[in-house]
Structure formats: structure tokens, C-alpha cells
Amino acid sequence: NREQHLELIAHAKEIGITFFSTAFDIPSADFLEDLGMPAYKIASG
């Protein structure tokens, strides 16, 4: 969920690795963009 994503974003920044996600649909893309993802993956499908 959102809170868990925020924890993961903070953890990735703390250890110095880039974190982003694959958006499988438009609601998920909006969810990720609201979190400030630095990049997006689009799956083959």
C-alpha cells in the first residue's frame, strides 16, 4: 500500500539505490507518480 511504498522509498534513498516500479494500469501509474517515482517500466504485455 501507500504507506509501505513510502517506507521502501525512504529505505532506498537511505542505502543509495534507485527504486522504481512497473505500472500495469493507469490507476497504478497515477499511484506511483503521486509517490514521485524517478522512472517507469512498462511490461511486455
PDB file of all heavy atoms in Angstrom:
ATOM      1  N   ASN A   1       0.832  -1.207   0.000  1.00  0.00           N
ATOM      2  CA  ASN A   1       0.000   0.000   0.000  1.00  0.00           C
ATOM      3  C   ASN A   1       0.867   1.258   0.000  1.00  0.00           C
ATOM      4  O   ASN A   1       2.107   1.178  -0.066  1.00  0.00           O
ATOM      5  CB  ASN A   1      -0.966  -0.022   1.190  1.00  0.00           C
ATOM      6  CG  ASN A   1      -0.235  -0.047   2.531  1.00  0.00           C
ATOM      7  OD1 ASN A   1       0.884   0.455   2.669  1.00  0.00           O
ATOM      8  ND2 ASN A   1      -0.870  -0.642   3.548  1.00  0.00           N
ATOM      9  N   ARG A   2       0.228   2.392   0.108  1.00  0.00           N
ATOM     10  CA  ARG A   2       0.950   3.669   0.026  1.00  0.00           C
ATOM     11  C   ARG A   2       1.973   3.812   1.149  1.00  0.00           C
ATOM     12  O   ARG A   2       3.120   4.205   0.900  1.00  0.00           O
ATOM     13  CB  ARG A   2      -0.052   4.824   0.078  1.00  0.00           C
ATOM     14  CG  ARG A   2       0.607   6.195   0.049  1.00  0.00           C
ATOM     15  CD  ARG A   2      -0.401   7.320   0.134  1.00  0.00           C
ATOM     16  NE  ARG A   2       0.279   8.597   0.237  1.00  0.00           N
ATOM     17  CZ  ARG A   2       0.774   9.287  -0.783  1.00  0.00           C
ATOM     18  NH1 ARG A   2       0.668   8.802  -2.014  1.00  0.00           N
ATOM     19  NH2 ARG A   2       1.389  10.440  -0.609  1.00  0.00           N
ATOM     20  N   GLU A   3       1.576   3.503   2.362  1.00  0.00           N
ATOM     21  CA  GLU A   3       2.488   3.657   3.497  1.00  0.00           C
ATOM     22  C   GLU A   3       3.708   2.747   3.336  1.00  0.00           C
ATOM     23  O   GLU A   3       4.848   3.139   3.651  1.00  0.00           O
ATOM     24  CB  GLU A   3       1.757   3.341   4.803  1.00  0.00           C
ATOM     25  CG  GLU A   3       0.738   4.377   5.236  1.00  0.00           C
ATOM     26  CD  GLU A   3      -0.495   4.424   4.334  1.00  0.00           C
ATOM     27  OE1 GLU A   3      -0.853   3.359   3.747  1.00  0.00           O
ATOM     28  OE2 GLU A   3      -1.099   5.506   4.197  1.00  0.00           O
ATOM     29  N   GLN A   4       3.486   1.553   2.870  1.00  0.00           N
ATOM     30  CA  GLN A   4       4.594   0.623   2.665  1.00  0.00           C
ATOM     31  C   GLN A   4       5.517   1.119   1.539  1.00  0.00           C
ATOM     32  O   GLN A   4       6.743   1.018   1.650  1.00  0.00           O
ATOM     33  CB  GLN A   4       4.045  -0.763   2.343  1.00  0.00           C
ATOM     34  CG  GLN A   4       3.374  -1.431   3.528  1.00  0.00           C
ATOM     35  CD  GLN A   4       2.619  -2.689   3.140  1.00  0.00           C
ATOM     36  OE1 GLN A   4       1.953  -2.736   2.101  1.00  0.00           O
ATOM     37  NE2 GLN A   4       2.725  -3.723   3.974  1.00  0.00           N
ATOM     38  N   HIS A   5       4.923   1.668   0.496  1.00  0.00           N
ATOM     39  CA  HIS A   5       5.751   2.241  -0.576  1.00  0.00           C
ATOM     40  C   HIS A   5       6.604   3.391  -0.061  1.00  0.00           C
ATOM     41  O   HIS A   5       7.774   3.525  -0.436  1.00  0.00           O
ATOM     42  CB  HIS A   5       4.864   2.716  -1.738  1.00  0.00           C
ATOM     43  CG  HIS A   5       4.597   1.668  -2.773  1.00  0.00           C
ATOM     44  ND1 HIS A   5       3.611   0.724  -2.637  1.00  0.00           N
ATOM     45  CD2 HIS A   5       5.213   1.417  -3.961  1.00  0.00           C
ATOM     46  CE1 HIS A   5       3.609  -0.064  -3.698  1.00  0.00           C
ATOM     47  NE2 HIS A   5       4.573   0.331  -4.519  1.00  0.00           N
ATOM     48  N   LEU A   6       6.019   4.226   0.782  1.00  0.00           N
ATOM     49  CA  LEU A   6       6.790   5.342   1.327  1.00  0.00           C
ATOM     50  C   LEU A   6       7.969   4.831   2.159  1.00  0.00           C
ATOM     51  O   LEU A   6       9.064   5.407   2.118  1.00  0.00           O
ATOM     52  CB  LEU A   6       5.883   6.241   2.168  1.00  0.00           C
ATOM     53  CG  LEU A   6       4.863   7.075   1.375  1.00  0.00           C
ATOM     54  CD1 LEU A   6       3.886   7.761   2.326  1.00  0.00           C
ATOM     55  CD2 LEU A   6       5.570   8.104   0.493  1.00  0.00           C
ATOM     56  N   GLU A   7       7.761   3.762   2.908  1.00  0.00           N
ATOM     57  CA  GLU A   7       8.862   3.161   3.665  1.00  0.00           C
ATOM     58  C   GLU A   7       9.956   2.656   2.729  1.00  0.00           C
ATOM     59  O   GLU A   7      11.158   2.826   2.995  1.00  0.00           O
ATOM     60  CB  GLU A   7       8.347   2.000   4.518  1.00  0.00           C
ATOM     61  CG  GLU A   7       7.688   2.416   5.822  1.00  0.00           C
ATOM     62  CD  GLU A   7       7.520   1.240   6.767  1.00  0.00           C
ATOM     63  OE1 GLU A   7       8.525   0.532   7.008  1.00  0.00           O
ATOM     64  OE2 GLU A   7       6.396   1.039   7.259  1.00  0.00           O
ATOM     65  N   LEU A   8       9.543   2.021   1.641  1.00  0.00           N
ATOM     66  CA  LEU A   8      10.520   1.488   0.690  1.00  0.00           C
ATOM     67  C   LEU A   8      11.284   2.604  -0.010  1.00  0.00           C
ATOM     68  O   LEU A   8      12.489   2.496  -0.253  1.00  0.00           O
ATOM     69  CB  LEU A   8       9.808   0.605  -0.336  1.00  0.00           C
ATOM     70  CG  LEU A   8       9.241  -0.708   0.213  1.00  0.00           C
ATOM     71  CD1 LEU A   8       8.386  -1.395  -0.843  1.00  0.00           C
ATOM     72  CD2 LEU A   8      10.371  -1.640   0.678  1.00  0.00           C
ATOM     73  N   ILE A   9      10.590   3.679  -0.347  1.00  0.00           N
ATOM     74  CA  ILE A   9      11.258   4.824  -0.986  1.00  0.00           C
ATOM     75  C   ILE A   9      12.314   5.408  -0.050  1.00  0.00           C
ATOM     76  O   ILE A   9      13.450   5.690  -0.456  1.00  0.00           O
ATOM     77  CB  ILE A   9      10.215   5.892  -1.390  1.00  0.00           C
ATOM     78  CG1 ILE A   9       9.362   5.389  -2.564  1.00  0.00           C
ATOM     79  CG2 ILE A   9      10.902   7.205  -1.751  1.00  0.00           C
ATOM     80  CD1 ILE A   9       8.151   6.253  -2.849  1.00  0.00           C
ATOM     81  N   ALA A  10      11.943   5.570   1.198  1.00  0.00           N
ATOM     82  CA  ALA A  10      12.888   6.123   2.178  1.00  0.00           C
ATOM     83  C   ALA A  10      14.068   5.181   2.371  1.00  0.00           C
ATOM     84  O   ALA A  10      15.225   5.625   2.485  1.00  0.00           O
ATOM     85  CB  ALA A  10      12.170   6.362   3.504  1.00  0.00           C
ATOM     86  N   HIS A  11      13.805   3.895   2.403  1.00  0.00           N
ATOM     87  CA  HIS A  11      14.879   2.916   2.613  1.00  0.00           C
ATOM     88  C   HIS A  11      15.838   2.917   1.425  1.00  0.00           C
ATOM     89  O   HIS A  11      17.070   2.855   1.617  1.00  0.00           O
ATOM     90  CB  HIS A  11      14.281   1.528   2.815  1.00  0.00           C
ATOM     91  CG  HIS A  11      15.274   0.511   3.259  1.00  0.00           C
ATOM     92  ND1 HIS A  11      15.945   0.592   4.464  1.00  0.00           N
ATOM     93  CD2 HIS A  11      15.744  -0.618   2.651  1.00  0.00           C
ATOM     94  CE1 HIS A  11      16.766  -0.435   4.589  1.00  0.00           C
ATOM     95  NE2 HIS A  11      16.674  -1.186   3.506  1.00  0.00           N
ATOM     96  N   ALA A  12      15.287   2.978   0.217  1.00  0.00           N
ATOM     97  CA  ALA A  12      16.135   3.002  -0.974  1.00  0.00           C
ATOM     98  C   ALA A  12      17.047   4.230  -0.975  1.00  0.00           C
ATOM     99  O   ALA A  12      18.237   4.138  -1.301  1.00  0.00           O
ATOM    100  CB  ALA A  12      15.274   2.976  -2.233  1.00  0.00           C
ATOM    101  N   LYS A  13      16.505   5.367  -0.588  1.00  0.00           N
ATOM    102  CA  LYS A  13      17.316   6.586  -0.527  1.00  0.00           C
ATOM    103  C   LYS A  13      18.400   6.463   0.535  1.00  0.00           C
ATOM    104  O   LYS A  13      19.541   6.894   0.337  1.00  0.00           O
ATOM    105  CB  LYS A  13      16.419   7.791  -0.233  1.00  0.00           C
ATOM    106  CG  LYS A  13      15.546   8.205  -1.411  1.00  0.00           C
ATOM    107  CD  LYS A  13      14.704   9.435  -1.072  1.00  0.00           C
ATOM    108  CE  LYS A  13      13.871   9.859  -2.277  1.00  0.00           C
ATOM    109  NZ  LYS A  13      12.992  11.024  -1.971  1.00  0.00           N
ATOM    110  N   GLU A  14      18.038   5.860   1.637  1.00  0.00           N
ATOM    111  CA  GLU A  14      18.994   5.720   2.750  1.00  0.00           C
ATOM    112  C   GLU A  14      20.190   4.858   2.357  1.00  0.00           C
ATOM    113  O   GLU A  14      21.336   5.171   2.702  1.00  0.00           O
ATOM    114  CB  GLU A  14      18.296   5.102   3.962  1.00  0.00           C
ATOM    115  CG  GLU A  14      19.200   4.931   5.172  1.00  0.00           C
ATOM    116  CD  GLU A  14      18.489   4.282   6.340  1.00  0.00           C
ATOM    117  OE1 GLU A  14      17.248   4.109   6.277  1.00  0.00           O
ATOM    118  OE2 GLU A  14      19.170   3.935   7.330  1.00  0.00           O
ATOM    119  N   ILE A  15      19.961   3.782   1.607  1.00  0.00           N
ATOM    120  CA  ILE A  15      21.068   2.886   1.248  1.00  0.00           C
ATOM    121  C   ILE A  15      21.700   3.248  -0.092  1.00  0.00           C
ATOM    122  O   ILE A  15      22.715   2.673  -0.472  1.00  0.00           O
ATOM    123  CB  ILE A  15      20.607   1.409   1.242  1.00  0.00           C
ATOM    124  CG1 ILE A  15      19.573   1.164   0.137  1.00  0.00           C
ATOM    125  CG2 ILE A  15      20.078   1.007   2.604  1.00  0.00           C
ATOM    126  CD1 ILE A  15      19.171  -0.301  -0.001  1.00  0.00           C
ATOM    127  N   GLY A  16      21.090   4.174  -0.831  1.00  0.00           N
ATOM    128  CA  GLY A  16      21.699   4.666  -2.064  1.00  0.00           C
ATOM    129  C   GLY A  16      21.451   3.814  -3.288  1.00  0.00           C
ATOM    130  O   GLY A  16      22.371   3.579  -4.079  1.00  0.00           O
ATOM    131  N   ILE A  17      20.213   3.341  -3.459  1.00  0.00           N
ATOM    132  CA  ILE A  17      19.867   2.602  -4.666  1.00  0.00           C
ATOM    133  C   ILE A  17      18.576   3.178  -5.229  1.00  0.00           C
ATOM    134  O   ILE A  17      17.692   3.616  -4.484  1.00  0.00           O
ATOM    135  CB  ILE A  17      19.722   1.085  -4.391  1.00  0.00           C
ATOM    136  CG1 ILE A  17      19.704   0.309  -5.709  1.00  0.00           C
ATOM    137  CG2 ILE A  17      18.505   0.774  -3.536  1.00  0.00           C
ATOM    138  CD1 ILE A  17      19.888  -1.185  -5.539  1.00  0.00           C
ATOM    139  N   THR A  18      18.472   3.219  -6.537  1.00  0.00           N
ATOM    140  CA  THR A  18      17.281   3.756  -7.191  1.00  0.00           C
ATOM    141  C   THR A  18      16.151   2.724  -7.133  1.00  0.00           C
ATOM    142  O   THR A  18      16.364   1.538  -7.366  1.00  0.00           O
ATOM    143  CB  THR A  18      17.580   4.112  -8.653  1.00  0.00           C
ATOM    144  OG1 THR A  18      18.576   5.142  -8.680  1.00  0.00           O
ATOM    145  CG2 THR A  18      16.340   4.603  -9.371  1.00  0.00           C
ATOM    146  N   PHE A  19      14.957   3.203  -6.828  1.00  0.00           N
ATOM    147  CA  PHE A  19      13.778   2.335  -6.735  1.00  0.00           C
ATOM    148  C   PHE A  19      12.691   2.889  -7.642  1.00  0.00           C
ATOM    149  O   PHE A  19      12.332   4.062  -7.566  1.00  0.00           O
ATOM    150  CB  PHE A  19      13.303   2.273  -5.278  1.00  0.00           C
ATOM    151  CG  PHE A  19      11.883   1.806  -5.081  1.00  0.00           C
ATOM    152  CD1 PHE A  19      11.368   0.735  -5.802  1.00  0.00           C
ATOM    153  CD2 PHE A  19      11.058   2.424  -4.149  1.00  0.00           C
ATOM    154  CE1 PHE A  19      10.052   0.305  -5.615  1.00  0.00           C
ATOM    155  CE2 PHE A  19       9.758   2.006  -3.946  1.00  0.00           C
ATOM    156  CZ  PHE A  19       9.252   0.945  -4.687  1.00  0.00           C
ATOM    157  N   PHE A  20      12.199   2.039  -8.542  1.00  0.00           N
ATOM    158  CA  PHE A  20      11.018   2.395  -9.322  1.00  0.00           C
ATOM    159  C   PHE A  20      10.207   1.143  -9.597  1.00  0.00           C
ATOM    160  O   PHE A  20      10.540   0.062  -9.114  1.00  0.00           O
ATOM    161  CB  PHE A  20      11.387   3.144 -10.608  1.00  0.00           C
ATOM    162  CG  PHE A  20      12.244   2.397 -11.584  1.00  0.00           C
ATOM    163  CD1 PHE A  20      11.676   1.724 -12.661  1.00  0.00           C
ATOM    164  CD2 PHE A  20      13.633   2.386 -11.466  1.00  0.00           C
ATOM    165  CE1 PHE A  20      12.460   1.053 -13.586  1.00  0.00           C
ATOM    166  CE2 PHE A  20      14.426   1.720 -12.376  1.00  0.00           C
ATOM    167  CZ  PHE A  20      13.843   1.046 -13.440  1.00  0.00           C
ATOM    168  N   SER A  21       9.110   1.296 -10.327  1.00  0.00           N
ATOM    169  CA  SER A  21       8.173   0.187 -10.479  1.00  0.00           C
ATOM    170  C   SER A  21       7.652   0.083 -11.904  1.00  0.00           C
ATOM    171  O   SER A  21       7.748   1.024 -12.695  1.00  0.00           O
ATOM    172  CB  SER A  21       6.966   0.368  -9.551  1.00  0.00           C
ATOM    173  OG  SER A  21       7.152  -0.253  -8.314  1.00  0.00           O
ATOM    174  N   THR A  22       7.060  -1.075 -12.166  1.00  0.00           N
ATOM    175  CA  THR A  22       6.284  -1.280 -13.387  1.00  0.00           C
ATOM    176  C   THR A  22       4.843  -0.903 -13.091  1.00  0.00           C
ATOM    177  O   THR A  22       4.247  -1.404 -12.123  1.00  0.00           O
ATOM    178  CB  THR A  22       6.329  -2.756 -13.828  1.00  0.00           C
ATOM    179  OG1 THR A  22       7.672  -3.111 -14.129  1.00  0.00           O
ATOM    180  CG2 THR A  22       5.471  -2.968 -15.064  1.00  0.00           C
ATOM    181  N   ALA A  23       4.287  -0.043 -13.925  1.00  0.00           N
ATOM    182  CA  ALA A  23       2.873   0.321 -13.808  1.00  0.00           C
ATOM    183  C   ALA A  23       2.075  -0.555 -14.775  1.00  0.00           C
ATOM    184  O   ALA A  23       2.274  -0.480 -15.981  1.00  0.00           O
ATOM    185  CB  ALA A  23       2.680   1.792 -14.138  1.00  0.00           C
ATOM    186  N   PHE A  24       1.176  -1.366 -14.239  1.00  0.00           N
ATOM    187  CA  PHE A  24       0.417  -2.292 -15.072  1.00  0.00           C
ATOM    188  C   PHE A  24      -0.919  -1.712 -15.541  1.00  0.00           C
ATOM    189  O   PHE A  24      -1.623  -2.354 -16.329  1.00  0.00           O
ATOM    190  CB  PHE A  24       0.168  -3.594 -14.315  1.00  0.00           C
ATOM    191  CG  PHE A  24       1.320  -4.556 -14.389  1.00  0.00           C
ATOM    192  CD1 PHE A  24       2.421  -4.406 -13.566  1.00  0.00           C
ATOM    193  CD2 PHE A  24       1.321  -5.598 -15.297  1.00  0.00           C
ATOM    194  CE1 PHE A  24       3.495  -5.284 -13.635  1.00  0.00           C
ATOM    195  CE2 PHE A  24       2.387  -6.480 -15.378  1.00  0.00           C
ATOM    196  CZ  PHE A  24       3.486  -6.323 -14.548  1.00  0.00           C
ATOM    197  N   ASP A  25      -1.270  -0.523 -15.079  1.00  0.00           N
ATOM    198  CA  ASP A  25      -2.547   0.080 -15.445  1.00  0.00           C
ATOM    199  C   ASP A  25      -2.494   1.560 -15.078  1.00  0.00           C
ATOM    200  O   ASP A  25      -1.590   2.004 -14.368  1.00  0.00           O
ATOM    201  CB  ASP A  25      -3.700  -0.626 -14.726  1.00  0.00           C
ATOM    202  CG  ASP A  25      -3.425  -0.779 -13.237  1.00  0.00           C
ATOM    203  OD1 ASP A  25      -3.544   0.221 -12.508  1.00  0.00           O
ATOM    204  OD2 ASP A  25      -3.040  -1.897 -12.815  1.00  0.00           O
ATOM    205  N   ILE A  26      -3.464   2.310 -15.560  1.00  0.00           N
ATOM    206  CA  ILE A  26      -3.453   3.763 -15.338  1.00  0.00           C
ATOM    207  C   ILE A  26      -3.611   4.121 -13.861  1.00  0.00           C
ATOM    208  O   ILE A  26      -2.874   4.991 -13.356  1.00  0.00           O
ATOM    209  CB  ILE A  26      -4.521   4.441 -16.219  1.00  0.00           C
ATOM    210  CG1 ILE A  26      -4.044   4.403 -17.684  1.00  0.00           C
ATOM    211  CG2 ILE A  26      -4.767   5.880 -15.775  1.00  0.00           C
ATOM    212  CD1 ILE A  26      -5.032   4.943 -18.690  1.00  0.00           C
ATOM    213  N   PRO A  27      -4.530   3.497 -13.096  1.00  0.00           N
ATOM    214  CA  PRO A  27      -4.582   3.819 -11.654  1.00  0.00           C
ATOM    215  C   PRO A  27      -3.259   3.555 -10.935  1.00  0.00           C
ATOM    216  O   PRO A  27      -2.851   4.344 -10.067  1.00  0.00           O
ATOM    217  CB  PRO A  27      -5.705   2.912 -11.131  1.00  0.00           C
ATOM    218  CG  PRO A  27      -6.582   2.677 -12.314  1.00  0.00           C
ATOM    219  CD  PRO A  27      -5.649   2.606 -13.489  1.00  0.00           C
ATOM    220  N   SER A  28      -2.568   2.472 -11.299  1.00  0.00           N
ATOM    221  CA  SER A  28      -1.272   2.183 -10.677  1.00  0.00           C
ATOM    222  C   SER A  28      -0.228   3.220 -11.080  1.00  0.00           C
ATOM    223  O   SER A  28       0.605   3.629 -10.270  1.00  0.00           O
ATOM    224  CB  SER A  28      -0.798   0.784 -11.068  1.00  0.00           C
ATOM    225  OG  SER A  28      -1.651  -0.199 -10.523  1.00  0.00           O
ATOM    226  N   ALA A  29      -0.271   3.653 -12.341  1.00  0.00           N
ATOM    227  CA  ALA A  29       0.662   4.684 -12.786  1.00  0.00           C
ATOM    228  C   ALA A  29       0.450   5.974 -11.995  1.00  0.00           C
ATOM    229  O   ALA A  29       1.420   6.610 -11.559  1.00  0.00           O
ATOM    230  CB  ALA A  29       0.476   4.935 -14.283  1.00  0.00           C
ATOM    231  N   ASP A  30      -0.804   6.347 -11.788  1.00  0.00           N
ATOM    232  CA  ASP A  30      -1.096   7.554 -11.013  1.00  0.00           C
ATOM    233  C   ASP A  30      -0.657   7.389  -9.560  1.00  0.00           C
ATOM    234  O   ASP A  30      -0.141   8.338  -8.946  1.00  0.00           O
ATOM    235  CB  ASP A  30      -2.587   7.865 -11.077  1.00  0.00           C
ATOM    236  CG  ASP A  30      -3.029   8.337 -12.452  1.00  0.00           C
ATOM    237  OD1 ASP A  30      -2.168   8.785 -13.239  1.00  0.00           O
ATOM    238  OD2 ASP A  30      -4.244   8.257 -12.740  1.00  0.00           O
ATOM    239  N   PHE A  31      -0.851   6.210  -9.016  1.00  0.00           N
ATOM    240  CA  PHE A  31      -0.410   5.913  -7.652  1.00  0.00           C
ATOM    241  C   PHE A  31       1.099   6.116  -7.532  1.00  0.00           C
ATOM    242  O   PHE A  31       1.591   6.754  -6.597  1.00  0.00           O
ATOM    243  CB  PHE A  31      -0.796   4.461  -7.325  1.00  0.00           C
ATOM    244  CG  PHE A  31      -0.267   3.936  -6.025  1.00  0.00           C
ATOM    245  CD1 PHE A  31      -1.004   4.058  -4.850  1.00  0.00           C
ATOM    246  CD2 PHE A  31       0.977   3.301  -5.954  1.00  0.00           C
ATOM    247  CE1 PHE A  31      -0.513   3.554  -3.645  1.00  0.00           C
ATOM    248  CE2 PHE A  31       1.463   2.807  -4.752  1.00  0.00           C
ATOM    249  CZ  PHE A  31       0.724   2.939  -3.593  1.00  0.00           C
ATOM    250  N   LEU A  32       1.840   5.582  -8.480  1.00  0.00           N
ATOM    251  CA  LEU A  32       3.304   5.680  -8.447  1.00  0.00           C
ATOM    252  C   LEU A  32       3.775   7.111  -8.686  1.00  0.00           C
ATOM    253  O   LEU A  32       4.731   7.573  -8.050  1.00  0.00           O
ATOM    254  CB  LEU A  32       3.908   4.741  -9.487  1.00  0.00           C
ATOM    255  CG  LEU A  32       3.686   3.239  -9.236  1.00  0.00           C
ATOM    256  CD1 LEU A  32       4.105   2.422 -10.458  1.00  0.00           C
ATOM    257  CD2 LEU A  32       4.453   2.775  -7.998  1.00  0.00           C
ATOM    258  N   GLU A  33       3.122   7.813  -9.589  1.00  0.00           N
ATOM    259  CA  GLU A  33       3.527   9.190  -9.872  1.00  0.00           C
ATOM    260  C   GLU A  33       3.296  10.078  -8.660  1.00  0.00           C
ATOM    261  O   GLU A  33       4.090  10.991  -8.378  1.00  0.00           O
ATOM    262  CB  GLU A  33       2.762   9.723 -11.087  1.00  0.00           C
ATOM    263  CG  GLU A  33       3.081  11.160 -11.467  1.00  0.00           C
ATOM    264  CD  GLU A  33       4.548  11.398 -11.834  1.00  0.00           C
ATOM    265  OE1 GLU A  33       5.317  10.424 -12.003  1.00  0.00           O
ATOM    266  OE2 GLU A  33       4.931  12.587 -11.944  1.00  0.00           O
ATOM    267  N   ASP A  34       2.227   9.820  -7.927  1.00  0.00           N
ATOM    268  CA  ASP A  34       1.957  10.593  -6.711  1.00  0.00           C
ATOM    269  C   ASP A  34       3.056  10.391  -5.673  1.00  0.00           C
ATOM    270  O   ASP A  34       3.290  11.262  -4.821  1.00  0.00           O
ATOM    271  CB  ASP A  34       0.601  10.181  -6.132  1.00  0.00           C
ATOM    272  CG  ASP A  34       0.183  11.060  -4.970  1.00  0.00           C
ATOM    273  OD1 ASP A  34       0.120  12.290  -5.144  1.00  0.00           O
ATOM    274  OD2 ASP A  34      -0.055  10.510  -3.872  1.00  0.00           O
ATOM    275  N   LEU A  35       3.743   9.244  -5.776  1.00  0.00           N
ATOM    276  CA  LEU A  35       4.851   8.957  -4.859  1.00  0.00           C
ATOM    277  C   LEU A  35       6.179   9.524  -5.356  1.00  0.00           C
ATOM    278  O   LEU A  35       7.182   9.461  -4.651  1.00  0.00           O
ATOM    279  CB  LEU A  35       4.993   7.443  -4.673  1.00  0.00           C
ATOM    280  CG  LEU A  35       3.834   6.732  -3.972  1.00  0.00           C
ATOM    281  CD1 LEU A  35       4.010   5.221  -4.055  1.00  0.00           C
ATOM    282  CD2 LEU A  35       3.715   7.172  -2.513  1.00  0.00           C
ATOM    283  N   GLY A  36       6.198  10.043  -6.584  1.00  0.00           N
ATOM    284  CA  GLY A  36       7.414  10.659  -7.123  1.00  0.00           C
ATOM    285  C   GLY A  36       8.422   9.678  -7.675  1.00  0.00           C
ATOM    286  O   GLY A  36       9.636   9.894  -7.552  1.00  0.00           O
ATOM    287  N   MET A  37       7.961   8.604  -8.306  1.00  0.00           N
ATOM    288  CA  MET A  37       8.883   7.627  -8.904  1.00  0.00           C
ATOM    289  C   MET A  37       9.809   8.304  -9.919  1.00  0.00           C
ATOM    290  O   MET A  37       9.363   9.145 -10.699  1.00  0.00           O
ATOM    291  CB  MET A  37       8.109   6.507  -9.594  1.00  0.00           C
ATOM    292  CG  MET A  37       7.467   5.530  -8.646  1.00  0.00           C
ATOM    293  SD  MET A  37       8.693   4.430  -7.919  1.00  0.00           S
ATOM    294  CE  MET A  37       7.874   3.978  -6.377  1.00  0.00           C
ATOM    295  N   PRO A  38      11.107   7.933  -9.933  1.00  0.00           N
ATOM    296  CA  PRO A  38      12.052   8.581 -10.852  1.00  0.00           C
ATOM    297  C   PRO A  38      11.994   8.033 -12.276  1.00  0.00           C
ATOM    298  O   PRO A  38      12.553   8.635 -13.186  1.00  0.00           O
ATOM    299  CB  PRO A  38      13.407   8.270 -10.219  1.00  0.00           C
ATOM    300  CG  PRO A  38      13.193   6.959  -9.532  1.00  0.00           C
ATOM    301  CD  PRO A  38      11.786   6.999  -9.010  1.00  0.00           C
ATOM    302  N   ALA A  39      11.358   6.890 -12.473  1.00  0.00           N
ATOM    303  CA  ALA A  39      11.289   6.282 -13.802  1.00  0.00           C
ATOM    304  C   ALA A  39      10.145   5.270 -13.789  1.00  0.00           C
ATOM    305  O   ALA A  39       9.606   4.925 -12.728  1.00  0.00           O
ATOM    306  CB  ALA A  39      12.605   5.583 -14.153  1.00  0.00           C
ATOM    307  N   TYR A  40       9.788   4.796 -14.983  1.00  0.00           N
ATOM    308  CA  TYR A  40       8.700   3.835 -15.100  1.00  0.00           C
ATOM    309  C   TYR A  40       9.081   2.712 -16.044  1.00  0.00           C
ATOM    310  O   TYR A  40       9.700   2.939 -17.082  1.00  0.00           O
ATOM    311  CB  TYR A  40       7.418   4.517 -15.625  1.00  0.00           C
ATOM    312  CG  TYR A  40       6.820   5.446 -14.613  1.00  0.00           C
ATOM    313  CD1 TYR A  40       7.218   6.787 -14.551  1.00  0.00           C
ATOM    314  CD2 TYR A  40       5.895   4.998 -13.680  1.00  0.00           C
ATOM    315  CE1 TYR A  40       6.705   7.643 -13.599  1.00  0.00           C
ATOM    316  CE2 TYR A  40       5.375   5.844 -12.711  1.00  0.00           C
ATOM    317  CZ  TYR A  40       5.781   7.156 -12.684  1.00  0.00           C
ATOM    318  OH  TYR A  40       5.272   8.002 -11.723  1.00  0.00           O
ATOM    319  N   LYS A  41       8.683   1.510 -15.665  1.00  0.00           N
ATOM    320  CA  LYS A  41       8.814   0.360 -16.543  1.00  0.00           C
ATOM    321  C   LYS A  41       7.429   0.009 -17.067  1.00  0.00           C
ATOM    322  O   LYS A  41       6.440   0.068 -16.343  1.00  0.00           O
ATOM    323  CB  LYS A  41       9.395  -0.831 -15.761  1.00  0.00           C
ATOM    324  CG  LYS A  41       9.406  -2.150 -16.517  1.00  0.00           C
ATOM    325  CD  LYS A  41      10.462  -2.187 -17.609  1.00  0.00           C
ATOM    326  CE  LYS A  41      10.325  -3.434 -18.480  1.00  0.00           C
ATOM    327  NZ  LYS A  41      10.496  -4.701 -17.741  1.00  0.00           N
ATOM    328  N   ILE A  42       7.383  -0.370 -18.341  1.00  0.00           N
ATOM    329  CA  ILE A  42       6.166  -0.897 -18.946  1.00  0.00           C
ATOM    330  C   ILE A  42       6.451  -2.349 -19.314  1.00  0.00           C
ATOM    331  O   ILE A  42       7.402  -2.634 -20.045  1.00  0.00           O
ATOM    332  CB  ILE A  42       5.746  -0.099 -20.188  1.00  0.00           C
ATOM    333  CG1 ILE A  42       5.530   1.383 -19.841  1.00  0.00           C
ATOM    334  CG2 ILE A  42       4.507  -0.710 -20.827  1.00  0.00           C
ATOM    335  CD1 ILE A  42       4.392   1.652 -18.880  1.00  0.00           C
ATOM    336  N   ALA A  43       5.633  -3.262 -18.798  1.00  0.00           N
ATOM    337  CA  ALA A  43       5.836  -4.680 -19.051  1.00  0.00           C
ATOM    338  C   ALA A  43       5.512  -5.018 -20.506  1.00  0.00           C
ATOM    339  O   ALA A  43       4.771  -4.301 -21.186  1.00  0.00           O
ATOM    340  CB  ALA A  43       4.965  -5.503 -18.112  1.00  0.00           C
ATOM    341  N   SER A  44       6.057  -6.144 -20.948  1.00  0.00           N
ATOM    342  CA  SER A  44       5.863  -6.578 -22.330  1.00  0.00           C
ATOM    343  C   SER A  44       4.391  -6.622 -22.719  1.00  0.00           C
ATOM    344  O   SER A  44       4.015  -6.215 -23.819  1.00  0.00           O
ATOM    345  CB  SER A  44       6.486  -7.956 -22.540  1.00  0.00           C
ATOM    346  OG  SER A  44       7.889  -7.913 -22.458  1.00  0.00           O
ATOM    347  N   GLY A  45       3.559  -7.106 -21.794  1.00  0.00           N
ATOM    348  CA  GLY A  45       2.142  -7.233 -22.102  1.00  0.00           C
ATOM    349  C   GLY A  45       1.443  -5.919 -22.347  1.00  0.00           C
ATOM    350  O   GLY A  45       0.357  -5.889 -22.946  1.00  0.00           O
TER     351      GLY A  45
END
